[in-house]
């Protein structure tokens, strides 16, 4: 069901409009853009505003402003193009249809476990990581085989169920990551049966991105290596929904000097803050190019100038990216002015 056709890579920006873009977001979007443009391909901008409690139009406007400032353009979205809607909040009917198809094959079941109960089952104290990072909590199959009477009893207690995908117990997904090479990861090591829809009715990341990437014809997904354990789950969904999976590139994360990955809480390293400090977008791109091994120094450049040069040198060199987290010195913004 991937309708990309020919004509180079189809990449995408898929920001969650829950805050300002920070330098780590920009690094990921820079590489996604380069991967598509150096193949003569296209870029799609999709706002992943699926969580109504956290998403804001003002953040979407800021994201578009920041991408434009950095020199990263797009061909489709968020308000025009042949594969709309480009806002996940407008796609609930599409996600419903996908789950209905899975349900027809007996692959969806209600789960009444709370987050607290899942932490206890995983043996993790309150607020602690369960070891799966962004893949979510491991699930031991507690509600897999509840009878109709047991489900009715849970709902009589006032519990609202999430929906989970019944995953094959022995499934191992094999794929060749553009950066990390060959990967063989079992669904069990990713946490087993995973959520398709939360108990509050919000569709889960795993389902939404697969449905959207399929219908938009995305052929290359570039994201942080912290999302690696989501890939086997998404590959399973592609297969169950009859889609062609994209190539995946899981890139090293940018972190602060204490080794903590950059996030929205690093407000001083948001693109808006860097712009207000007088930083040059060409200097930031030059630094990204040096880190990625695309040029020897941090000499200022633009994404277009860089892409035009690399197009004449061969395929985008994903394997030249460094491994492990990359520290951004606190003094770096002073060098980008």
C-alpha atoms as a PDB file:
ATOM      1  CA  UNK A   1       0.000   0.000   0.000  1.00  0.00           C
ATOM      2  CA  UNK A   2       3.028   2.284  -0.138  1.00  0.00           C
ATOM      3  CA  UNK A   3       2.280   4.588  -3.114  1.00  0.00           C
ATOM      4  CA  UNK A   4       5.566   6.443  -3.359  1.00  0.00           C
ATOM      5  CA  UNK A   5       6.301   5.277  -6.880  1.00  0.00           C
ATOM      6  CA  UNK A   6       9.645   6.210  -8.418  1.00  0.00           C
ATOM      7  CA  UNK A   7      11.617   9.427  -8.176  1.00  0.00           C
ATOM      8  CA  UNK A   8      13.808   9.151  -5.095  1.00  0.00           C
ATOM      9  CA  UNK A   9      13.298   8.890  -1.370  1.00  0.00           C
ATOM     10  CA  UNK A  10      10.104  10.131   0.267  1.00  0.00           C
ATOM     11  CA  UNK A  11      11.057  11.374   3.721  1.00  0.00           C
ATOM     12  CA  UNK A  12       9.101  13.192   6.360  1.00  0.00           C
ATOM     13  CA  UNK A  13       9.189  15.568   9.268  1.00  0.00           C
ATOM     14  CA  UNK A  14       6.785  14.350  11.954  1.00  0.00           C
ATOM     15  CA  UNK A  15       7.009  16.719  14.923  1.00  0.00           C
ATOM     16  CA  UNK A  16       4.722  16.570  17.934  1.00  0.00           C
ATOM     17  CA  UNK A  17       3.454  20.142  18.481  1.00  0.00           C
ATOM     18  CA  UNK A  18       3.834  20.068  22.247  1.00  0.00           C
ATOM     19  CA  UNK A  19       6.608  22.651  22.551  1.00  0.00           C
ATOM     20  CA  UNK A  20       9.392  24.423  20.699  1.00  0.00           C
ATOM     21  CA  UNK A  21      11.807  22.530  18.480  1.00  0.00           C
ATOM     22  CA  UNK A  22      15.164  22.034  20.164  1.00  0.00           C
ATOM     23  CA  UNK A  23      18.566  21.318  18.708  1.00  0.00           C
ATOM     24  CA  UNK A  24      18.036  17.553  18.926  1.00  0.00           C
ATOM     25  CA  UNK A  25      14.857  17.810  16.828  1.00  0.00           C
ATOM     26  CA  UNK A  26      16.699  19.973  14.319  1.00  0.00           C
ATOM     27  CA  UNK A  27      19.521  17.405  14.022  1.00  0.00           C
ATOM     28  CA  UNK A  28      17.004  14.660  13.225  1.00  0.00           C
ATOM     29  CA  UNK A  29      15.063  16.792  10.733  1.00  0.00           C
ATOM     30  CA  UNK A  30      18.309  17.948   9.084  1.00  0.00           C
ATOM     31  CA  UNK A  31      19.321  14.340   8.416  1.00  0.00           C
ATOM     32  CA  UNK A  32      15.812  13.383   7.249  1.00  0.00           C
ATOM     33  CA  UNK A  33      15.874  16.306   4.822  1.00  0.00           C
ATOM     34  CA  UNK A  34      19.365  15.442   3.574  1.00  0.00           C
ATOM     35  CA  UNK A  35      18.441  11.796   3.082  1.00  0.00           C
ATOM     36  CA  UNK A  36      15.563  12.770   0.815  1.00  0.00           C
ATOM     37  CA  UNK A  37      17.051  15.748  -1.030  1.00  0.00           C
ATOM     38  CA  UNK A  38      20.350  14.051  -1.887  1.00  0.00           C
ATOM     39  CA  UNK A  39      18.354  11.339  -3.683  1.00  0.00           C
ATOM     40  CA  UNK A  40      16.269  13.879  -5.593  1.00  0.00           C
ATOM     41  CA  UNK A  41      13.310  12.954  -3.398  1.00  0.00           C
ATOM     42  CA  UNK A  42      10.478  14.659  -1.539  1.00  0.00           C
ATOM     43  CA  UNK A  43       9.822  15.748   2.031  1.00  0.00           C
ATOM     44  CA  UNK A  44       6.468  15.697   3.838  1.00  0.00           C
ATOM     45  CA  UNK A  45       5.590  17.739   6.932  1.00  0.00           C
ATOM     46  CA  UNK A  46       3.036  16.041   9.185  1.00  0.00           C
ATOM     47  CA  UNK A  47       1.966  17.405  12.546  1.00  0.00           C
ATOM     48  CA  UNK A  48       1.560  14.551  15.033  1.00  0.00           C
ATOM     49  CA  UNK A  49      -1.039  16.364  17.122  1.00  0.00           C
ATOM     50  CA  UNK A  50      -2.838  13.218  18.127  1.00  0.00           C
ATOM     51  CA  UNK A  51      -2.872  14.105  21.844  1.00  0.00           C
ATOM     52  CA  UNK A  52      -5.398  16.945  22.250  1.00  0.00           C
ATOM     53  CA  UNK A  53      -4.292  17.694  25.821  1.00  0.00           C
ATOM     54  CA  UNK A  54      -0.744  18.627  24.793  1.00  0.00           C
ATOM     55  CA  UNK A  55      -0.911  19.819  21.177  1.00  0.00           C
ATOM     56  CA  UNK A  56      -1.306  23.491  20.276  1.00  0.00           C
ATOM     57  CA  UNK A  57      -1.657  25.385  16.986  1.00  0.00           C
ATOM     58  CA  UNK A  58       0.842  27.932  18.276  1.00  0.00           C
ATOM     59  CA  UNK A  59       3.476  25.191  18.522  1.00  0.00           C
ATOM     60  CA  UNK A  60       2.714  24.097  14.959  1.00  0.00           C
ATOM     61  CA  UNK A  61       3.220  27.640  13.721  1.00  0.00           C
ATOM     62  CA  UNK A  62       6.490  27.861  15.653  1.00  0.00           C
ATOM     63  CA  UNK A  63       7.718  24.534  14.230  1.00  0.00           C
ATOM     64  CA  UNK A  64       7.124  25.687  10.670  1.00  0.00           C
ATOM     65  CA  UNK A  65       8.827  28.987  11.376  1.00  0.00           C
ATOM     66  CA  UNK A  66      11.872  27.248  12.877  1.00  0.00           C
ATOM     67  CA  UNK A  67      12.232  24.748  10.029  1.00  0.00           C
ATOM     68  CA  UNK A  68      12.063  27.555   7.486  1.00  0.00           C
ATOM     69  CA  UNK A  69      14.664  29.575   9.416  1.00  0.00           C
ATOM     70  CA  UNK A  70      17.024  26.594   9.378  1.00  0.00           C
ATOM     71  CA  UNK A  71      16.585  26.196   5.604  1.00  0.00           C
ATOM     72  CA  UNK A  72      14.600  22.937   5.692  1.00  0.00           C
ATOM     73  CA  UNK A  73      11.687  23.081   3.255  1.00  0.00           C
ATOM     74  CA  UNK A  74       8.988  20.539   2.421  1.00  0.00           C
ATOM     75  CA  UNK A  75       6.860  19.559  -0.570  1.00  0.00           C
ATOM     76  CA  UNK A  76       3.634  18.421   1.109  1.00  0.00           C
ATOM     77  CA  UNK A  77       1.706  19.444   4.179  1.00  0.00           C
ATOM     78  CA  UNK A  78       0.565  20.668   6.497  1.00  0.00           C
ATOM     79  CA  UNK A  79      -2.279  22.267   4.530  1.00  0.00           C
ATOM     80  CA  UNK A  80      -1.687  21.147   0.945  1.00  0.00           C
ATOM     81  CA  UNK A  81      -0.776  18.023  -0.968  1.00  0.00           C
ATOM     82  CA  UNK A  82      -2.292  14.789  -2.319  1.00  0.00           C
ATOM     83  CA  UNK A  83      -1.951  12.722   0.868  1.00  0.00           C
ATOM     84  CA  UNK A  84      -3.816  14.797   3.438  1.00  0.00           C
ATOM     85  CA  UNK A  85      -4.834  15.169   6.142  1.00  0.00           C
ATOM     86  CA  UNK A  86      -1.396  16.126   7.436  1.00  0.00           C
ATOM     87  CA  UNK A  87      -2.640  16.529  11.014  1.00  0.00           C
ATOM     88  CA  UNK A  88      -3.125  13.310  12.985  1.00  0.00           C
ATOM     89  CA  UNK A  89      -5.993  14.878  14.906  1.00  0.00           C
ATOM     90  CA  UNK A  90      -7.993  14.711  11.648  1.00  0.00           C
ATOM     91  CA  UNK A  91      -7.217  11.033  10.982  1.00  0.00           C
ATOM     92  CA  UNK A  92      -9.125   9.219  13.712  1.00  0.00           C
ATOM     93  CA  UNK A  93     -11.425   7.561  11.176  1.00  0.00           C
ATOM     94  CA  UNK A  94      -8.402   6.132   9.356  1.00  0.00           C
ATOM     95  CA  UNK A  95      -7.044   4.677  12.589  1.00  0.00           C
ATOM     96  CA  UNK A  96     -10.478   3.233  13.400  1.00  0.00           C
ATOM     97  CA  UNK A  97     -10.542   1.481  10.033  1.00  0.00           C
ATOM     98  CA  UNK A  98      -7.058   0.041  10.532  1.00  0.00           C
ATOM     99  CA  UNK A  99      -8.004  -1.386  13.941  1.00  0.00           C
ATOM    100  CA  UNK A 100     -11.201  -2.824  12.478  1.00  0.00           C
ATOM    101  CA  UNK A 101      -9.093  -4.740   9.954  1.00  0.00           C
ATOM    102  CA  UNK A 102      -6.892  -6.100  12.718  1.00  0.00           C
ATOM    103  CA  UNK A 103      -9.941  -6.928  14.831  1.00  0.00           C
ATOM    104  CA  UNK A 104     -11.422  -8.971  11.982  1.00  0.00           C
ATOM    105  CA  UNK A 105      -8.431 -11.298  12.321  1.00  0.00           C
ATOM    106  CA  UNK A 106      -8.809 -11.616  16.095  1.00  0.00           C
ATOM    107  CA  UNK A 107      -5.692  -9.556  16.790  1.00  0.00           C
ATOM    108  CA  UNK A 108      -7.122  -6.829  19.039  1.00  0.00           C
ATOM    109  CA  UNK A 109      -8.233  -7.153  22.653  1.00  0.00           C
ATOM    110  CA  UNK A 110      -9.181  -4.770  25.479  1.00  0.00           C
ATOM    111  CA  UNK A 111      -6.700  -4.255  28.314  1.00  0.00           C
ATOM    112  CA  UNK A 112      -7.801  -2.906  31.682  1.00  0.00           C
ATOM    113  CA  UNK A 113      -4.373  -2.564  33.317  1.00  0.00           C
ATOM    114  CA  UNK A 114      -3.478   0.870  34.668  1.00  0.00           C
ATOM    115  CA  UNK A 115      -0.017   2.405  34.292  1.00  0.00           C
ATOM    116  CA  UNK A 116       0.604   1.882  37.990  1.00  0.00           C
ATOM    117  CA  UNK A 117      -0.287  -1.792  37.693  1.00  0.00           C
ATOM    118  CA  UNK A 118       2.023  -2.182  34.710  1.00  0.00           C
ATOM    119  CA  UNK A 119       4.900  -0.638  36.671  1.00  0.00           C
ATOM    120  CA  UNK A 120       4.276  -3.095  39.496  1.00  0.00           C
ATOM    121  CA  UNK A 121       4.114  -6.008  37.057  1.00  0.00           C
ATOM    122  CA  UNK A 122       7.382  -4.836  35.506  1.00  0.00           C
ATOM    123  CA  UNK A 123       8.968  -4.624  38.962  1.00  0.00           C
ATOM    124  CA  UNK A 124       9.702  -0.897  38.559  1.00  0.00           C
ATOM    125  CA  UNK A 125       9.094   1.601  41.383  1.00  0.00           C
ATOM    126  CA  UNK A 126       6.941   4.650  40.818  1.00  0.00           C
ATOM    127  CA  UNK A 127       8.518   7.008  38.298  1.00  0.00           C
ATOM    128  CA  UNK A 128      11.298   4.579  37.386  1.00  0.00           C
ATOM    129  CA  UNK A 129      12.096   3.392  33.891  1.00  0.00           C
ATOM    130  CA  UNK A 130      10.909  -0.075  32.900  1.00  0.00           C
ATOM    131  CA  UNK A 131      13.985  -0.593  30.733  1.00  0.00           C
ATOM    132  CA  UNK A 132      12.224  -0.182  27.402  1.00  0.00           C
ATOM    133  CA  UNK A 133      12.638   3.574  27.047  1.00  0.00           C
ATOM    134  CA  UNK A 134      10.333   5.103  24.452  1.00  0.00           C
ATOM    135  CA  UNK A 135       8.976   1.711  23.415  1.00  0.00           C
ATOM    136  CA  UNK A 136       6.702   1.786  26.465  1.00  0.00           C
ATOM    137  CA  UNK A 137       6.129  -0.617  29.328  1.00  0.00           C
ATOM    138  CA  UNK A 138       6.621  -4.368  28.962  1.00  0.00           C
ATOM    139  CA  UNK A 139       3.295  -6.189  29.010  1.00  0.00           C
ATOM    140  CA  UNK A 140       2.936  -9.682  30.506  1.00  0.00           C
ATOM    141  CA  UNK A 141      -0.373 -10.487  28.780  1.00  0.00           C
ATOM    142  CA  UNK A 142      -2.548  -9.989  31.849  1.00  0.00           C
ATOM    143  CA  UNK A 143      -5.744  -9.250  29.883  1.00  0.00           C
ATOM    144  CA  UNK A 144      -4.988 -11.423  26.865  1.00  0.00           C
ATOM    145  CA  UNK A 145      -7.437 -14.193  27.699  1.00  0.00           C
ATOM    146  CA  UNK A 146     -10.080 -12.543  29.861  1.00  0.00           C
ATOM    147  CA  UNK A 147     -13.541 -14.015  29.459  1.00  0.00           C
ATOM    148  CA  UNK A 148     -16.525 -11.869  28.495  1.00  0.00           C
ATOM    149  CA  UNK A 149     -17.676 -12.050  32.124  1.00  0.00           C
ATOM    150  CA  UNK A 150     -14.297 -10.902  33.429  1.00  0.00           C
ATOM    151  CA  UNK A 151     -14.260  -8.003  31.003  1.00  0.00           C
ATOM    152  CA  UNK A 152     -17.752  -7.001  32.046  1.00  0.00           C
ATOM    153  CA  UNK A 153     -16.641  -7.082  35.677  1.00  0.00           C
ATOM    154  CA  UNK A 154     -13.692  -4.771  34.941  1.00  0.00           C
ATOM    155  CA  UNK A 155     -15.977  -2.305  33.174  1.00  0.00           C
ATOM    156  CA  UNK A 156     -18.491  -2.463  36.013  1.00  0.00           C
ATOM    157  CA  UNK A 157     -15.666  -1.236  38.247  1.00  0.00           C
ATOM    158  CA  UNK A 158     -15.458   1.837  36.016  1.00  0.00           C
ATOM    159  CA  UNK A 159     -12.337   0.795  34.140  1.00  0.00           C
ATOM    160  CA  UNK A 160     -11.941   2.024  30.578  1.00  0.00           C
ATOM    161  CA  UNK A 161      -9.876  -0.318  28.426  1.00  0.00           C
ATOM    162  CA  UNK A 162      -7.028   0.421  26.112  1.00  0.00           C
ATOM    163  CA  UNK A 163      -6.724  -1.700  22.962  1.00  0.00           C
ATOM    164  CA  UNK A 164      -3.731  -3.984  22.490  1.00  0.00           C
ATOM    165  CA  UNK A 165      -2.381  -5.926  19.529  1.00  0.00           C
ATOM    166  CA  UNK A 166      -2.028  -9.666  20.034  1.00  0.00           C
ATOM    167  CA  UNK A 167       1.595 -10.232  18.992  1.00  0.00           C
ATOM    168  CA  UNK A 168       3.061 -13.607  17.998  1.00  0.00           C
ATOM    169  CA  UNK A 169       5.055 -14.926  20.941  1.00  0.00           C
ATOM    170  CA  UNK A 170       7.948 -16.100  18.771  1.00  0.00           C
ATOM    171  CA  UNK A 171       8.091 -13.174  16.331  1.00  0.00           C
ATOM    172  CA  UNK A 172      11.546 -11.822  15.477  1.00  0.00           C
ATOM    173  CA  UNK A 173      11.773  -8.841  13.125  1.00  0.00           C
ATOM    174  CA  UNK A 174      14.861  -8.562  10.923  1.00  0.00           C
ATOM    175  CA  UNK A 175      15.780  -5.353   9.109  1.00  0.00           C
ATOM    176  CA  UNK A 176      18.843  -3.526   7.828  1.00  0.00           C
ATOM    177  CA  UNK A 177      19.102  -0.165   9.544  1.00  0.00           C
ATOM    178  CA  UNK A 178      20.794   2.463   7.379  1.00  0.00           C
ATOM    179  CA  UNK A 179      22.959   3.573  10.315  1.00  0.00           C
ATOM    180  CA  UNK A 180      23.169   0.617  12.691  1.00  0.00           C
ATOM    181  CA  UNK A 181      23.253  -2.224  10.172  1.00  0.00           C
ATOM    182  CA  UNK A 182      21.443  -5.562  10.463  1.00  0.00           C
ATOM    183  CA  UNK A 183      19.011  -5.829  13.368  1.00  0.00           C
ATOM    184  CA  UNK A 184      17.233  -8.902  14.718  1.00  0.00           C
ATOM    185  CA  UNK A 185      14.811  -7.919  17.489  1.00  0.00           C
ATOM    186  CA  UNK A 186      12.034  -9.998  19.003  1.00  0.00           C
ATOM    187  CA  UNK A 187       8.643  -8.526  19.824  1.00  0.00           C
ATOM    188  CA  UNK A 188       9.014 -10.044  23.281  1.00  0.00           C
ATOM    189  CA  UNK A 189      12.155  -7.982  23.939  1.00  0.00           C
ATOM    190  CA  UNK A 190      10.191  -4.882  22.878  1.00  0.00           C
ATOM    191  CA  UNK A 191       7.559  -5.516  25.518  1.00  0.00           C
ATOM    192  CA  UNK A 192       5.159  -7.969  23.898  1.00  0.00           C
ATOM    193  CA  UNK A 193       1.561  -6.971  23.124  1.00  0.00           C
ATOM    194  CA  UNK A 194       1.513  -3.197  22.658  1.00  0.00           C
ATOM    195  CA  UNK A 195      -1.179  -0.549  22.780  1.00  0.00           C
ATOM    196  CA  UNK A 196      -3.039   0.588  19.675  1.00  0.00           C
ATOM    197  CA  UNK A 197      -5.281   3.001  21.560  1.00  0.00           C
ATOM    198  CA  UNK A 198      -4.980   4.385  25.067  1.00  0.00           C
ATOM    199  CA  UNK A 199      -7.701   4.027  27.676  1.00  0.00           C
ATOM    200  CA  UNK A 200      -8.607   7.703  27.216  1.00  0.00           C
ATOM    201  CA  UNK A 201      -9.344   7.080  23.535  1.00  0.00           C
ATOM    202  CA  UNK A 202      -6.157   8.647  22.140  1.00  0.00           C
ATOM    203  CA  UNK A 203      -4.624   6.557  19.372  1.00  0.00           C
ATOM    204  CA  UNK A 204      -1.155   5.221  20.099  1.00  0.00           C
ATOM    205  CA  UNK A 205       2.001   6.343  18.325  1.00  0.00           C
ATOM    206  CA  UNK A 206       2.792   2.913  16.865  1.00  0.00           C
ATOM    207  CA  UNK A 207      -0.478   2.588  14.966  1.00  0.00           C
ATOM    208  CA  UNK A 208      -0.825   6.210  13.892  1.00  0.00           C
ATOM    209  CA  UNK A 209       2.630   6.549  12.329  1.00  0.00           C
ATOM    210  CA  UNK A 210       2.294   3.293  10.380  1.00  0.00           C
ATOM    211  CA  UNK A 211      -1.124   4.197   8.984  1.00  0.00           C
ATOM    212  CA  UNK A 212       0.076   7.689   8.037  1.00  0.00           C
ATOM    213  CA  UNK A 213       3.433   6.648   6.573  1.00  0.00           C
ATOM    214  CA  UNK A 214       1.677   3.980   4.490  1.00  0.00           C
ATOM    215  CA  UNK A 215      -0.912   6.307   3.008  1.00  0.00           C
ATOM    216  CA  UNK A 216       1.641   9.082   2.392  1.00  0.00           C
ATOM    217  CA  UNK A 217       4.059   6.773   0.619  1.00  0.00           C
ATOM    218  CA  UNK A 218       6.950   7.421   3.008  1.00  0.00           C
ATOM    219  CA  UNK A 219       9.982   5.330   2.020  1.00  0.00           C
ATOM    220  CA  UNK A 220      12.580   6.517   4.554  1.00  0.00           C
ATOM    221  CA  UNK A 221      12.157   7.248   8.272  1.00  0.00           C
ATOM    222  CA  UNK A 222      14.953   9.039  10.125  1.00  0.00           C
ATOM    223  CA  UNK A 223      14.707   9.215  13.913  1.00  0.00           C
ATOM    224  CA  UNK A 224      16.715   8.916  17.111  1.00  0.00           C
ATOM    225  CA  UNK A 225      18.204   5.601  18.137  1.00  0.00           C
ATOM    226  CA  UNK A 226      16.059   5.767  21.288  1.00  0.00           C
ATOM    227  CA  UNK A 227      13.113   4.793  19.062  1.00  0.00           C
ATOM    228  CA  UNK A 228      14.795   1.617  17.780  1.00  0.00           C
ATOM    229  CA  UNK A 229      12.589  -0.710  19.847  1.00  0.00           C
ATOM    230  CA  UNK A 230       9.490   0.741  18.185  1.00  0.00           C
ATOM    231  CA  UNK A 231      10.625  -0.509  14.784  1.00  0.00           C
ATOM    232  CA  UNK A 232       9.818  -4.235  15.249  1.00  0.00           C
ATOM    233  CA  UNK A 233       6.329  -3.272  16.397  1.00  0.00           C
ATOM    234  CA  UNK A 234       5.821  -1.085  13.365  1.00  0.00           C
ATOM    235  CA  UNK A 235       7.193  -3.710  10.977  1.00  0.00           C
ATOM    236  CA  UNK A 236       4.625  -6.158  12.325  1.00  0.00           C
ATOM    237  CA  UNK A 237       1.849  -3.620  11.734  1.00  0.00           C
ATOM    238  CA  UNK A 238       3.044  -2.994   8.181  1.00  0.00           C
ATOM    239  CA  UNK A 239       2.822  -6.696   7.473  1.00  0.00           C
ATOM    240  CA  UNK A 240      -0.606  -7.112   9.087  1.00  0.00           C
ATOM    241  CA  UNK A 241      -2.016  -4.076   7.255  1.00  0.00           C
ATOM    242  CA  UNK A 242      -0.523  -5.048   3.886  1.00  0.00           C
ATOM    243  CA  UNK A 243       1.948  -2.175   3.616  1.00  0.00           C
ATOM    244  CA  UNK A 244       5.539  -1.870   2.410  1.00  0.00           C
ATOM    245  CA  UNK A 245       7.776  -0.686   5.257  1.00  0.00           C
ATOM    246  CA  UNK A 246      10.188   2.194   4.721  1.00  0.00           C
ATOM    247  CA  UNK A 247      13.926   2.077   5.251  1.00  0.00           C
ATOM    248  CA  UNK A 248      14.847   3.127   8.786  1.00  0.00           C
ATOM    249  CA  UNK A 249      17.793   5.236   9.910  1.00  0.00           C
ATOM    250  CA  UNK A 250      18.227   5.415  13.693  1.00  0.00           C
ATOM    251  CA  UNK A 251      20.639   8.230  14.352  1.00  0.00           C
ATOM    252  CA  UNK A 252      22.789   9.066  17.401  1.00  0.00           C
ATOM    253  CA  UNK A 253      21.219  11.448  19.902  1.00  0.00           C
ATOM    254  CA  UNK A 254      22.451  14.900  20.813  1.00  0.00           C
ATOM    255  CA  UNK A 255      22.877  15.336  24.552  1.00  0.00           C
ATOM    256  CA  UNK A 256      23.956  17.984  27.028  1.00  0.00           C
ATOM    257  CA  UNK A 257      27.307  17.988  28.822  1.00  0.00           C
ATOM    258  CA  UNK A 258      25.873  15.758  31.563  1.00  0.00           C
ATOM    259  CA  UNK A 259      24.939  13.095  29.005  1.00  0.00           C
ATOM    260  CA  UNK A 260      21.183  13.760  29.132  1.00  0.00           C
ATOM    261  CA  UNK A 261      19.526  13.717  25.726  1.00  0.00           C
ATOM    262  CA  UNK A 262      18.260  17.065  24.512  1.00  0.00           C
ATOM    263  CA  UNK A 263      14.561  17.612  25.050  1.00  0.00           C
ATOM    264  CA  UNK A 264      12.029  20.411  25.294  1.00  0.00           C
ATOM    265  CA  UNK A 265      13.178  21.136  28.839  1.00  0.00           C
ATOM    266  CA  UNK A 266      16.494  22.368  27.370  1.00  0.00           C
ATOM    267  CA  UNK A 267      14.829  25.674  26.578  1.00  0.00           C
ATOM    268  CA  UNK A 268      18.094  27.525  25.942  1.00  0.00           C
ATOM    269  CA  UNK A 269      18.803  25.148  23.046  1.00  0.00           C
ATOM    270  CA  UNK A 270      15.454  25.593  21.340  1.00  0.00           C
ATOM    271  CA  UNK A 271      15.742  26.987  17.821  1.00  0.00           C
ATOM    272  CA  UNK A 272      13.671  29.985  18.876  1.00  0.00           C
ATOM    273  CA  UNK A 273      16.098  30.759  21.726  1.00  0.00           C
ATOM    274  CA  UNK A 274      19.133  30.304  19.477  1.00  0.00           C
ATOM    275  CA  UNK A 275      17.605  32.649  16.922  1.00  0.00           C
ATOM    276  CA  UNK A 276      16.921  35.250  19.618  1.00  0.00           C
ATOM    277  CA  UNK A 277      20.556  34.964  20.757  1.00  0.00           C
ATOM    278  CA  UNK A 278      21.652  35.938  17.258  1.00  0.00           C
ATOM    279  CA  UNK A 279      22.830  32.500  16.159  1.00  0.00           C
ATOM    280  CA  UNK A 280      23.215  31.886  12.445  1.00  0.00           C
ATOM    281  CA  UNK A 281      21.246  29.000  10.913  1.00  0.00           C
ATOM    282  CA  UNK A 282      24.132  28.440   8.484  1.00  0.00           C
ATOM    283  CA  UNK A 283      26.505  28.019  11.455  1.00  0.00           C
ATOM    284  CA  UNK A 284      24.206  25.449  13.046  1.00  0.00           C
ATOM    285  CA  UNK A 285      23.924  23.538   9.761  1.00  0.00           C
ATOM    286  CA  UNK A 286      27.702  23.676   9.403  1.00  0.00           C
ATOM    287  CA  UNK A 287      28.070  22.109  12.848  1.00  0.00           C
ATOM    288  CA  UNK A 288      25.558  19.391  11.969  1.00  0.00           C
ATOM    289  CA  UNK A 289      27.466  18.708   8.738  1.00  0.00           C
ATOM    290  CA  UNK A 290      30.736  18.311  10.656  1.00  0.00           C
ATOM    291  CA  UNK A 291      29.165  15.962  13.221  1.00  0.00           C
ATOM    292  CA  UNK A 292      27.636  13.871  10.427  1.00  0.00           C
ATOM    293  CA  UNK A 293      30.950  13.592   8.584  1.00  0.00           C
ATOM    294  CA  UNK A 294      29.673  15.566   5.606  1.00  0.00           C
ATOM    295  CA  UNK A 295      32.440  18.161   5.841  1.00  0.00           C
ATOM    296  CA  UNK A 296      35.720  18.363   7.753  1.00  0.00           C
ATOM    297  CA  UNK A 297      35.008  21.593   9.595  1.00  0.00           C
ATOM    298  CA  UNK A 298      32.020  23.487  10.988  1.00  0.00           C
ATOM    299  CA  UNK A 299      32.193  26.036   8.179  1.00  0.00           C
ATOM    300  CA  UNK A 300      28.768  27.699   7.820  1.00  0.00           C
ATOM    301  CA  UNK A 301      26.655  26.365   4.993  1.00  0.00           C
ATOM    302  CA  UNK A 302      23.039  25.910   3.970  1.00  0.00           C
ATOM    303  CA  UNK A 303      21.186  22.600   3.664  1.00  0.00           C
ATOM    304  CA  UNK A 304      20.635  23.194  -0.066  1.00  0.00           C
ATOM    305  CA  UNK A 305      24.295  23.935  -0.760  1.00  0.00           C
ATOM    306  CA  UNK A 306      25.314  20.849   1.176  1.00  0.00           C
ATOM    307  CA  UNK A 307      22.765  18.615  -0.569  1.00  0.00           C
ATOM    308  CA  UNK A 308      23.762  19.857  -4.020  1.00  0.00           C
ATOM    309  CA  UNK A 309      27.371  18.877  -3.338  1.00  0.00           C
ATOM    310  CA  UNK A 310      26.585  15.463  -1.859  1.00  0.00           C
ATOM    311  CA  UNK A 311      24.263  14.541  -4.743  1.00  0.00           C
ATOM    312  CA  UNK A 312      27.309  14.466  -7.016  1.00  0.00           C
ATOM    313  CA  UNK A 313      29.314  12.261  -4.640  1.00  0.00           C
ATOM    314  CA  UNK A 314      27.031   9.239  -4.417  1.00  0.00           C
ATOM    315  CA  UNK A 315      24.392   7.890  -1.968  1.00  0.00           C
ATOM    316  CA  UNK A 316      23.951   9.660   1.343  1.00  0.00           C
ATOM    317  CA  UNK A 317      26.657   8.248   3.660  1.00  0.00           C
ATOM    318  CA  UNK A 318      24.546   7.019   6.571  1.00  0.00           C
ATOM    319  CA  UNK A 319      27.323   4.751   7.854  1.00  0.00           C
ATOM    320  CA  UNK A 320      29.607   7.755   8.328  1.00  0.00           C
ATOM    321  CA  UNK A 321      27.511   8.988  11.260  1.00  0.00           C
ATOM    322  CA  UNK A 322      29.211   8.650  14.645  1.00  0.00           C
ATOM    323  CA  UNK A 323      27.970   6.130  17.199  1.00  0.00           C
ATOM    324  CA  UNK A 324      26.659   6.881  20.648  1.00  0.00           C
ATOM    325  CA  UNK A 325      25.341  10.135  22.123  1.00  0.00           C
ATOM    326  CA  UNK A 326      26.938  13.373  20.913  1.00  0.00           C
ATOM    327  CA  UNK A 327      27.521  16.076  23.516  1.00  0.00           C
ATOM    328  CA  UNK A 328      26.659  19.684  22.695  1.00  0.00           C
ATOM    329  CA  UNK A 329      28.870  22.016  24.759  1.00  0.00           C
ATOM    330  CA  UNK A 330      27.058  24.719  26.658  1.00  0.00           C
ATOM    331  CA  UNK A 331      29.304  27.259  24.961  1.00  0.00           C
ATOM    332  CA  UNK A 332      28.315  26.118  21.466  1.00  0.00           C
ATOM    333  CA  UNK A 333      25.744  28.880  20.824  1.00  0.00           C
ATOM    334  CA  UNK A 334      28.509  31.484  21.205  1.00  0.00           C
ATOM    335  CA  UNK A 335      30.291  29.925  18.214  1.00  0.00           C
ATOM    336  CA  UNK A 336      27.175  30.039  16.036  1.00  0.00           C
ATOM    337  CA  UNK A 337      26.778  33.800  15.963  1.00  0.00           C
END
